[in-house]
């Protein structure tokens, strides 16, 4: 390993040209989003040693509330979209074809997020 540590090896394997380059960018993006929620602080103890502490900036309850708020806003916007689509619009308007599909994908994403959150809450309680 030429004196390099594990971080170098992982980075090399996940970067372009590495064995796992196809999933590397997504992994780095996901980790960046996750690590933004961690507050890090270095403090000196009374003995004079440095101690690192980490604290989450958000809780499961915060995430649950944020998902509920987004879902409520989504549902309201979905109702507006349905009302607009019932109006006598140009049948060739791309809005008639594209937006319902996008909203359906978003609805599936919300359901997946809700399941992940419930799963995480159940795992956290154990």
Foldseek 3Di string as FASTA:
>chain_A
DVPDDPVVVVCQQCPPVHVNVVCNVVVVVVVVVVCVQKDWDWDADPVGDIDIDIDGNDDLVRVVVVLVVVVVVLVVVVVVLVVVLPDPDDPVPCSNPPVVVVSVVVVVVSVVVVVVSVVVVVVVVD
